[in-house]
C-alpha atoms as a PDB file:
ATOM      1  CA  MET A   1     113.095 158.455 261.817  1.00  0.00           C
ATOM      2  CA  ASP A   2     110.079 157.114 263.646  1.00  0.00           C
ATOM      3  CA  ALA A   3     110.039 153.439 264.596  1.00  0.00           C
ATOM      4  CA  THR A   4     106.794 153.077 262.643  1.00  0.00           C
ATOM      5  CA  SER A   5     108.496 153.980 259.356  1.00  0.00           C
ATOM      6  CA  PRO A   6     107.514 151.310 256.798  1.00  0.00           C
ATOM      7  CA  ARG A   7     111.161 150.819 255.806  1.00  0.00           C
ATOM      8  CA  LYS A   8     112.267 150.319 259.415  1.00  0.00           C
ATOM      9  CA  ARG A   9     109.305 148.121 260.314  1.00  0.00           C
ATOM     10  CA  HIS A  10     109.971 145.909 257.315  1.00  0.00           C
ATOM     11  CA  ALA A  11     113.635 145.496 258.318  1.00  0.00           C
ATOM     12  CA  ILE A  12     112.691 144.594 261.884  1.00  0.00           C
ATOM     13  CA  ASP A  13     110.071 142.070 260.784  1.00  0.00           C
ATOM     14  CA  LEU A  14     112.296 140.568 258.071  1.00  0.00           C
ATOM     15  CA  PHE A  15     115.224 139.789 260.344  1.00  0.00           C
ATOM     16  CA  ALA A  16     113.399 139.129 263.620  1.00  0.00           C
ATOM     17  CA  PRO A  17     113.324 135.308 263.261  1.00  0.00           C
ATOM     18  CA  LEU A  18     116.830 134.865 261.802  1.00  0.00           C
ATOM     19  CA  GLY A  19     119.123 135.230 264.817  1.00  0.00           C
ATOM     20  CA  PRO A  20     119.862 131.537 265.505  1.00  0.00           C
ATOM     21  CA  THR A  21     120.649 130.728 261.849  1.00  0.00           C
ATOM     22  CA  TYR A  22     121.892 134.059 260.531  1.00  0.00           C
ATOM     23  CA  ASP A  23     125.657 133.526 260.507  1.00  0.00           C
ATOM     24  CA  ARG A  24     125.563 130.027 259.067  1.00  0.00           C
ATOM     25  CA  TYR A  25     123.187 130.835 256.237  1.00  0.00           C
ATOM     26  CA  ALA A  26     124.661 134.286 255.496  1.00  0.00           C
ATOM     27  CA  ALA A  27     127.978 132.546 254.833  1.00  0.00           C
ATOM     28  CA  LEU A  28     126.277 129.847 252.776  1.00  0.00           C
ATOM     29  CA  LEU A  29     124.223 132.220 250.614  1.00  0.00           C
ATOM     30  CA  SER A  30     127.251 134.449 249.948  1.00  0.00           C
ATOM     31  CA  PHE A  31     129.360 131.435 248.926  1.00  0.00           C
ATOM     32  CA  GLY A  32     131.548 131.963 251.979  1.00  0.00           C
ATOM     33  CA  GLN A  33     132.284 135.622 251.200  1.00  0.00           C
ATOM     34  CA  ASP A  34     130.353 137.345 254.001  1.00  0.00           C
ATOM     35  CA  PRO A  35     132.823 136.359 256.781  1.00  0.00           C
ATOM     36  CA  ARG A  36     135.758 137.433 254.601  1.00  0.00           C
ATOM     37  CA  TRP A  37     134.125 140.789 253.898  1.00  0.00           C
ATOM     38  CA  ARG A  38     133.587 141.354 257.628  1.00  0.00           C
ATOM     39  CA  ARG A  39     137.238 140.632 258.382  1.00  0.00           C
ATOM     40  CA  PHE A  40     138.312 143.128 255.724  1.00  0.00           C
ATOM     41  CA  LEU A  41     135.934 145.710 257.210  1.00  0.00           C
ATOM     42  CA  VAL A  42     137.588 145.323 260.612  1.00  0.00           C
ATOM     43  CA  SER A  43     141.037 145.603 259.029  1.00  0.00           C
ATOM     44  CA  ARG A  44     140.161 149.165 257.925  1.00  0.00           C
ATOM     45  CA  VAL A  45     139.800 150.346 261.544  1.00  0.00           C
ATOM     46  CA  ASP A  46     142.805 152.512 262.336  1.00  0.00           C
ATOM     47  CA  ALA A  47     142.917 152.610 266.129  1.00  0.00           C
ATOM     48  CA  PRO A  48     145.250 151.301 268.859  1.00  0.00           C
ATOM     49  CA  ARG A  49     144.466 148.368 271.150  1.00  0.00           C
ATOM     50  CA  GLY A  50     142.121 149.440 273.898  1.00  0.00           C
ATOM     51  CA  ALA A  51     140.374 152.018 271.703  1.00  0.00           C
ATOM     52  CA  ARG A  52     136.621 152.348 272.190  1.00  0.00           C
ATOM     53  CA  VAL A  53     134.781 151.167 269.046  1.00  0.00           C
ATOM     54  CA  LEU A  54     131.041 151.216 268.321  1.00  0.00           C
ATOM     55  CA  ASP A  55     129.673 148.470 266.047  1.00  0.00           C
ATOM     56  CA  VAL A  56     126.321 149.692 264.689  1.00  0.00           C
ATOM     57  CA  ALA A  57     123.803 147.243 263.176  1.00  0.00           C
ATOM     58  CA  CYS A  58     125.920 144.593 264.866  1.00  0.00           C
ATOM     59  CA  GLY A  59     123.352 141.836 264.367  1.00  0.00           C
ATOM     60  CA  THR A  60     124.629 138.584 265.852  1.00  0.00           C
ATOM     61  CA  GLY A  61     128.028 140.084 266.658  1.00  0.00           C
ATOM     62  CA  ALA A  62     130.237 138.733 263.868  1.00  0.00           C
ATOM     63  CA  VAL A  63     132.047 142.049 263.406  1.00  0.00           C
ATOM     64  CA  THR A  64     131.886 142.764 267.142  1.00  0.00           C
ATOM     65  CA  ARG A  65     133.794 139.550 267.813  1.00  0.00           C
ATOM     66  CA  GLU A  66     136.491 140.431 265.263  1.00  0.00           C
ATOM     67  CA  LEU A  67     136.885 143.881 266.837  1.00  0.00           C
ATOM     68  CA  ALA A  68     137.125 142.422 270.337  1.00  0.00           C
ATOM     69  CA  ALA A  69     139.733 139.913 269.142  1.00  0.00           C
ATOM     70  CA  ARG A  70     141.881 142.863 268.058  1.00  0.00           C
ATOM     71  CA  GLY A  71     141.851 144.222 271.586  1.00  0.00           C
ATOM     72  CA  TYR A  72     139.273 146.980 271.202  1.00  0.00           C
ATOM     73  CA  ASP A  73     136.770 147.988 273.882  1.00  0.00           C
ATOM     74  CA  VAL A  74     133.639 147.288 271.841  1.00  0.00           C
ATOM     75  CA  VAL A  75     130.007 148.321 272.162  1.00  0.00           C
ATOM     76  CA  GLY A  76     127.517 146.684 269.786  1.00  0.00           C
ATOM     77  CA  LEU A  77     124.198 148.321 268.902  1.00  0.00           C
ATOM     78  CA  ASP A  78     121.233 146.882 267.020  1.00  0.00           C
ATOM     79  CA  GLN A  79     117.469 147.417 266.881  1.00  0.00           C
ATOM     80  CA  ASN A  80     116.750 143.668 266.853  1.00  0.00           C
ATOM     81  CA  ASP A  81     116.647 142.106 270.324  1.00  0.00           C
ATOM     82  CA  GLY A  82     116.693 138.587 268.895  1.00  0.00           C
ATOM     83  CA  MET A  83     119.955 139.259 267.083  1.00  0.00           C
ATOM     84  CA  LEU A  84     121.412 140.896 270.185  1.00  0.00           C
ATOM     85  CA  ALA A  85     120.614 137.837 272.302  1.00  0.00           C
ATOM     86  CA  VAL A  86     122.847 135.781 270.001  1.00  0.00           C
ATOM     87  CA  ALA A  87     125.537 138.485 270.040  1.00  0.00           C
ATOM     88  CA  ARG A  88     125.619 138.680 273.836  1.00  0.00           C
ATOM     89  CA  ALA A  89     126.179 134.934 274.114  1.00  0.00           C
ATOM     90  CA  ARG A  90     128.769 134.996 271.351  1.00  0.00           C
ATOM     91  CA  VAL A  91     130.849 137.962 272.527  1.00  0.00           C
ATOM     92  CA  PRO A  92     130.526 138.168 276.331  1.00  0.00           C
ATOM     93  CA  GLU A  93     133.465 140.585 276.568  1.00  0.00           C
ATOM     94  CA  ALA A  94     131.562 143.274 274.603  1.00  0.00           C
ATOM     95  CA  ALA A  95     128.712 145.503 275.756  1.00  0.00           C
ATOM     96  CA  PHE A  96     125.471 145.549 273.773  1.00  0.00           C
ATOM     97  CA  VAL A  97     122.742 148.165 273.513  1.00  0.00           C
ATOM     98  CA  THR A  98     119.343 148.119 271.826  1.00  0.00           C
ATOM     99  CA  GLY A  99     119.036 151.253 269.725  1.00  0.00           C
ATOM    100  CA  GLU A 100     118.641 152.919 266.349  1.00  0.00           C
ATOM    101  CA  ALA A 101     121.404 154.156 264.089  1.00  0.00           C
ATOM    102  CA  GLU A 102     119.378 157.288 263.356  1.00  0.00           C
ATOM    103  CA  ARG A 103     119.310 158.267 267.052  1.00  0.00           C
ATOM    104  CA  LEU A 104     122.364 156.908 268.822  1.00  0.00           C
ATOM    105  CA  PRO A 105     122.155 156.960 272.643  1.00  0.00           C
ATOM    106  CA  PHE A 106     125.716 158.271 273.027  1.00  0.00           C
ATOM    107  CA  GLU A 107     127.384 161.636 273.497  1.00  0.00           C
ATOM    108  CA  ASP A 108     129.352 163.431 270.801  1.00  0.00           C
ATOM    109  CA  ALA A 109     132.867 162.106 270.085  1.00  0.00           C
ATOM    110  CA  SER A 110     132.488 159.273 272.605  1.00  0.00           C
ATOM    111  CA  PHE A 111     134.125 156.579 270.404  1.00  0.00           C
ATOM    112  CA  ASP A 112     137.514 156.286 268.727  1.00  0.00           C
ATOM    113  CA  ALA A 113     136.084 154.426 265.710  1.00  0.00           C
ATOM    114  CA  LEU A 114     132.803 153.039 264.371  1.00  0.00           C
ATOM    115  CA  THR A 115     131.793 150.189 262.063  1.00  0.00           C
ATOM    116  CA  PHE A 116     128.442 149.312 260.535  1.00  0.00           C
ATOM    117  CA  THR A 117     127.189 146.521 258.320  1.00  0.00           C
ATOM    118  CA  TYR A 118     124.293 146.300 255.830  1.00  0.00           C
ATOM    119  CA  LEU A 119     122.607 149.368 257.289  1.00  0.00           C
ATOM    120  CA  LEU A 120     122.002 152.176 254.789  1.00  0.00           C
ATOM    121  CA  ARG A 121     119.500 150.224 252.666  1.00  0.00           C
ATOM    122  CA  TYR A 122     117.190 150.138 255.691  1.00  0.00           C
ATOM    123  CA  VAL A 123     117.120 153.824 256.657  1.00  0.00           C
ATOM    124  CA  ASP A 124     114.999 156.563 255.114  1.00  0.00           C
ATOM    125  CA  ASP A 125     117.737 159.213 255.017  1.00  0.00           C
ATOM    126  CA  PRO A 126     121.228 157.730 254.490  1.00  0.00           C
ATOM    127  CA  VAL A 127     123.032 161.088 254.674  1.00  0.00           C
ATOM    128  CA  ALA A 128     121.360 162.072 257.960  1.00  0.00           C
ATOM    129  CA  THR A 129     122.171 158.626 259.359  1.00  0.00           C
ATOM    130  CA  LEU A 130     125.816 158.936 258.329  1.00  0.00           C
ATOM    131  CA  ARG A 131     125.998 162.329 260.043  1.00  0.00           C
ATOM    132  CA  GLU A 132     124.568 160.797 263.199  1.00  0.00           C
ATOM    133  CA  LEU A 133     127.133 157.989 263.073  1.00  0.00           C
ATOM    134  CA  ALA A 134     129.962 160.488 262.582  1.00  0.00           C
ATOM    135  CA  ARG A 135     128.671 162.578 265.487  1.00  0.00           C
ATOM    136  CA  VAL A 136     129.689 159.987 268.084  1.00  0.00           C
ATOM    137  CA  VAL A 137     133.210 159.460 266.663  1.00  0.00           C
ATOM    138  CA  ARG A 138     136.100 161.658 267.770  1.00  0.00           C
ATOM    139  CA  PRO A 139     137.527 163.931 265.048  1.00  0.00           C
ATOM    140  CA  GLY A 140     139.870 161.900 262.859  1.00  0.00           C
ATOM    141  CA  GLY A 141     138.480 158.552 264.008  1.00  0.00           C
ATOM    142  CA  THR A 142     137.735 155.795 261.499  1.00  0.00           C
ATOM    143  CA  ILE A 143     134.222 155.086 260.223  1.00  0.00           C
ATOM    144  CA  ALA A 144     133.914 151.917 258.119  1.00  0.00           C
ATOM    145  CA  MET A 145     130.993 150.223 256.383  1.00  0.00           C
ATOM    146  CA  LEU A 146     130.251 146.888 254.702  1.00  0.00           C
ATOM    147  CA  GLU A 147     127.432 146.707 252.148  1.00  0.00           C
ATOM    148  CA  PHE A 148     126.334 144.483 249.301  1.00  0.00           C
ATOM    149  CA  ALA A 149     127.095 145.829 245.832  1.00  0.00           C
ATOM    150  CA  VAL A 150     126.111 145.173 242.221  1.00  0.00           C
ATOM    151  CA  PRO A 151     128.984 143.919 240.001  1.00  0.00           C
ATOM    152  CA  ARG A 152     130.015 146.328 237.254  1.00  0.00           C
ATOM    153  CA  ASN A 153     131.467 143.747 234.882  1.00  0.00           C
ATOM    154  CA  PRO A 154     128.658 142.633 232.502  1.00  0.00           C
ATOM    155  CA  VAL A 155     129.467 138.924 232.876  1.00  0.00           C
ATOM    156  CA  TRP A 156     129.528 138.991 236.674  1.00  0.00           C
ATOM    157  CA  ARG A 157     126.455 141.244 236.679  1.00  0.00           C
ATOM    158  CA  ALA A 158     124.537 138.666 234.634  1.00  0.00           C
ATOM    159  CA  LEU A 159     125.538 135.891 237.031  1.00  0.00           C
ATOM    160  CA  TRP A 160     124.645 138.093 240.001  1.00  0.00           C
ATOM    161  CA  GLU A 161     121.203 138.777 238.526  1.00  0.00           C
ATOM    162  CA  LEU A 162     120.648 135.057 237.976  1.00  0.00           C
ATOM    163  CA  TRP A 163     121.540 134.355 241.598  1.00  0.00           C
ATOM    164  CA  VAL A 164     119.423 137.093 243.209  1.00  0.00           C
ATOM    165  CA  ARG A 165     116.410 136.566 240.930  1.00  0.00           C
ATOM    166  CA  ILE A 166     116.309 132.764 240.992  1.00  0.00           C
ATOM    167  CA  GLY A 167     118.977 131.281 243.252  1.00  0.00           C
ATOM    168  CA  LEU A 168     118.307 133.272 246.420  1.00  0.00           C
ATOM    169  CA  PRO A 169     114.509 132.809 246.438  1.00  0.00           C
ATOM    170  CA  ALA A 170     114.955 129.084 245.736  1.00  0.00           C
ATOM    171  CA  ALA A 171     117.492 128.773 248.554  1.00  0.00           C
ATOM    172  CA  GLY A 172     115.183 130.671 250.888  1.00  0.00           C
ATOM    173  CA  LEU A 173     112.375 128.278 250.062  1.00  0.00           C
ATOM    174  CA  VAL A 174     114.594 125.340 251.052  1.00  0.00           C
ATOM    175  CA  LEU A 175     116.031 126.939 254.197  1.00  0.00           C
ATOM    176  CA  ARG A 176     112.677 128.287 255.463  1.00  0.00           C
ATOM    177  CA  GLY A 177     112.562 129.911 258.911  1.00  0.00           C
ATOM    178  CA  GLY A 178     112.181 133.421 257.470  1.00  0.00           C
ATOM    179  CA  TRP A 179     114.821 132.995 254.766  1.00  0.00           C
ATOM    180  CA  LEU A 180     112.283 132.885 251.942  1.00  0.00           C
ATOM    181  CA  GLY A 181     111.393 136.512 252.679  1.00  0.00           C
ATOM    182  CA  VAL A 182     115.060 137.475 252.654  1.00  0.00           C
ATOM    183  CA  GLY A 183     115.654 135.579 249.417  1.00  0.00           C
ATOM    184  CA  ARG A 184     112.815 137.399 247.669  1.00  0.00           C
ATOM    185  CA  PHE A 185     113.735 140.810 249.060  1.00  0.00           C
ATOM    186  CA  LEU A 186     117.509 141.079 248.875  1.00  0.00           C
ATOM    187  CA  GLY A 187     118.190 141.433 245.150  1.00  0.00           C
ATOM    188  CA  GLY A 188     115.716 144.248 244.608  1.00  0.00           C
ATOM    189  CA  SER A 189     116.868 146.019 247.748  1.00  0.00           C
ATOM    190  CA  ILE A 190     120.529 145.983 246.692  1.00  0.00           C
ATOM    191  CA  ARG A 191     119.809 146.889 243.078  1.00  0.00           C
ATOM    192  CA  GLY A 192     117.465 149.723 244.012  1.00  0.00           C
ATOM    193  CA  PHE A 193     119.803 151.216 246.587  1.00  0.00           C
ATOM    194  CA  HIS A 194     122.740 151.388 244.212  1.00  0.00           C
ATOM    195  CA  ARG A 195     120.527 152.745 241.422  1.00  0.00           C
ATOM    196  CA  ARG A 196     119.410 155.612 243.657  1.00  0.00           C
ATOM    197  CA  HIS A 197     122.687 156.407 245.389  1.00  0.00           C
ATOM    198  CA  ASP A 198     126.381 156.943 244.795  1.00  0.00           C
ATOM    199  CA  VAL A 199     127.572 155.415 248.068  1.00  0.00           C
ATOM    200  CA  GLU A 200     130.868 157.278 248.298  1.00  0.00           C
ATOM    201  CA  GLY A 201     128.988 160.473 247.412  1.00  0.00           C
ATOM    202  CA  LEU A 202     126.650 159.912 250.366  1.00  0.00           C
ATOM    203  CA  TRP A 203     129.641 159.728 252.680  1.00  0.00           C
ATOM    204  CA  ARG A 204     131.157 162.937 251.339  1.00  0.00           C
ATOM    205  CA  GLU A 205     127.811 164.733 251.530  1.00  0.00           C
ATOM    206  CA  ALA A 206     127.639 163.711 255.191  1.00  0.00           C
ATOM    207  CA  GLY A 207     130.964 165.448 255.810  1.00  0.00           C
ATOM    208  CA  ILE A 208     133.101 162.336 256.243  1.00  0.00           C
ATOM    209  CA  ALA A 209     136.696 162.927 255.123  1.00  0.00           C
ATOM    210  CA  GLU A 210     139.265 160.797 253.271  1.00  0.00           C
ATOM    211  CA  VAL A 211     136.577 158.494 251.862  1.00  0.00           C
ATOM    212  CA  ARG A 212     137.892 155.329 250.218  1.00  0.00           C
ATOM    213  CA  ALA A 213     136.192 152.175 248.919  1.00  0.00           C
ATOM    214  CA  ARG A 214     137.178 148.642 247.981  1.00  0.00           C
ATOM    215  CA  ARG A 215     134.939 146.347 245.954  1.00  0.00           C
ATOM    216  CA  LEU A 216     135.247 142.691 246.921  1.00  0.00           C
ATOM    217  CA  SER A 217     134.417 139.291 245.417  1.00  0.00           C
ATOM    218  CA  LEU A 218     133.985 140.388 241.797  1.00  0.00           C
ATOM    219  CA  GLY A 219     131.964 143.390 242.910  1.00  0.00           C
ATOM    220  CA  GLY A 220     129.397 141.629 245.093  1.00  0.00           C
ATOM    221  CA  GLY A 221     130.442 143.500 248.212  1.00  0.00           C
ATOM    222  CA  VAL A 222     131.899 146.903 249.014  1.00  0.00           C
ATOM    223  CA  VAL A 223     133.709 148.262 252.050  1.00  0.00           C
ATOM    224  CA  VAL A 224     133.810 152.036 252.424  1.00  0.00           C
ATOM    225  CA  TRP A 225     135.824 153.862 255.052  1.00  0.00           C
ATOM    226  CA  GLY A 226     136.805 157.387 256.001  1.00  0.00           C
ATOM    227  CA  ARG A 227     137.423 159.722 258.955  1.00  0.00           C
ATOM    228  CA  ALA A 228     135.031 161.702 261.116  1.00  0.00           C
END
């Protein structure tokens, strides 16, 4: 996908100013669930200490840090240099690369496992992107993803809709610093993505094996994992 893609450009512009406040406010706006979801994501990685793990869409390095704490040799990749500046200061033991998930600057099968977070809503072709991610993982290596989800239970869905339609934009207005744009954008982005796609189906279409999923926090988040 070209860097001038409207979807990609919007993602870059939306998150460009958020690096210094991202972790604090992401935890706040998810009612403390975002850090817990990231820890569960890392727990799905089935690899020995010292394994080489790529963390795609690493942002400010929250997942990268958890991976490094487990003894992995971690490389973080993101398209946002502002986010990467925070990640480099936060996780000095990891290596970081500016790059795109759709065109990874690595050879085939060069990692033992791969994680990615909140990525597929921002790419034009999720299946092609998943195939590119799987390309750099050795056969049988873990691939694991964290993404927002829409609750299936009608009661929780109603509360979720109230939060994303009213609560998030109001919170963004108070927090400022780019968060108003995120607050207005996020609900529609999540809802639209899950309306268009069966997430586990995307993984299987991309050729990823042993696909499993766990919905978290009353259905507000989902972790999907499988093997290259």
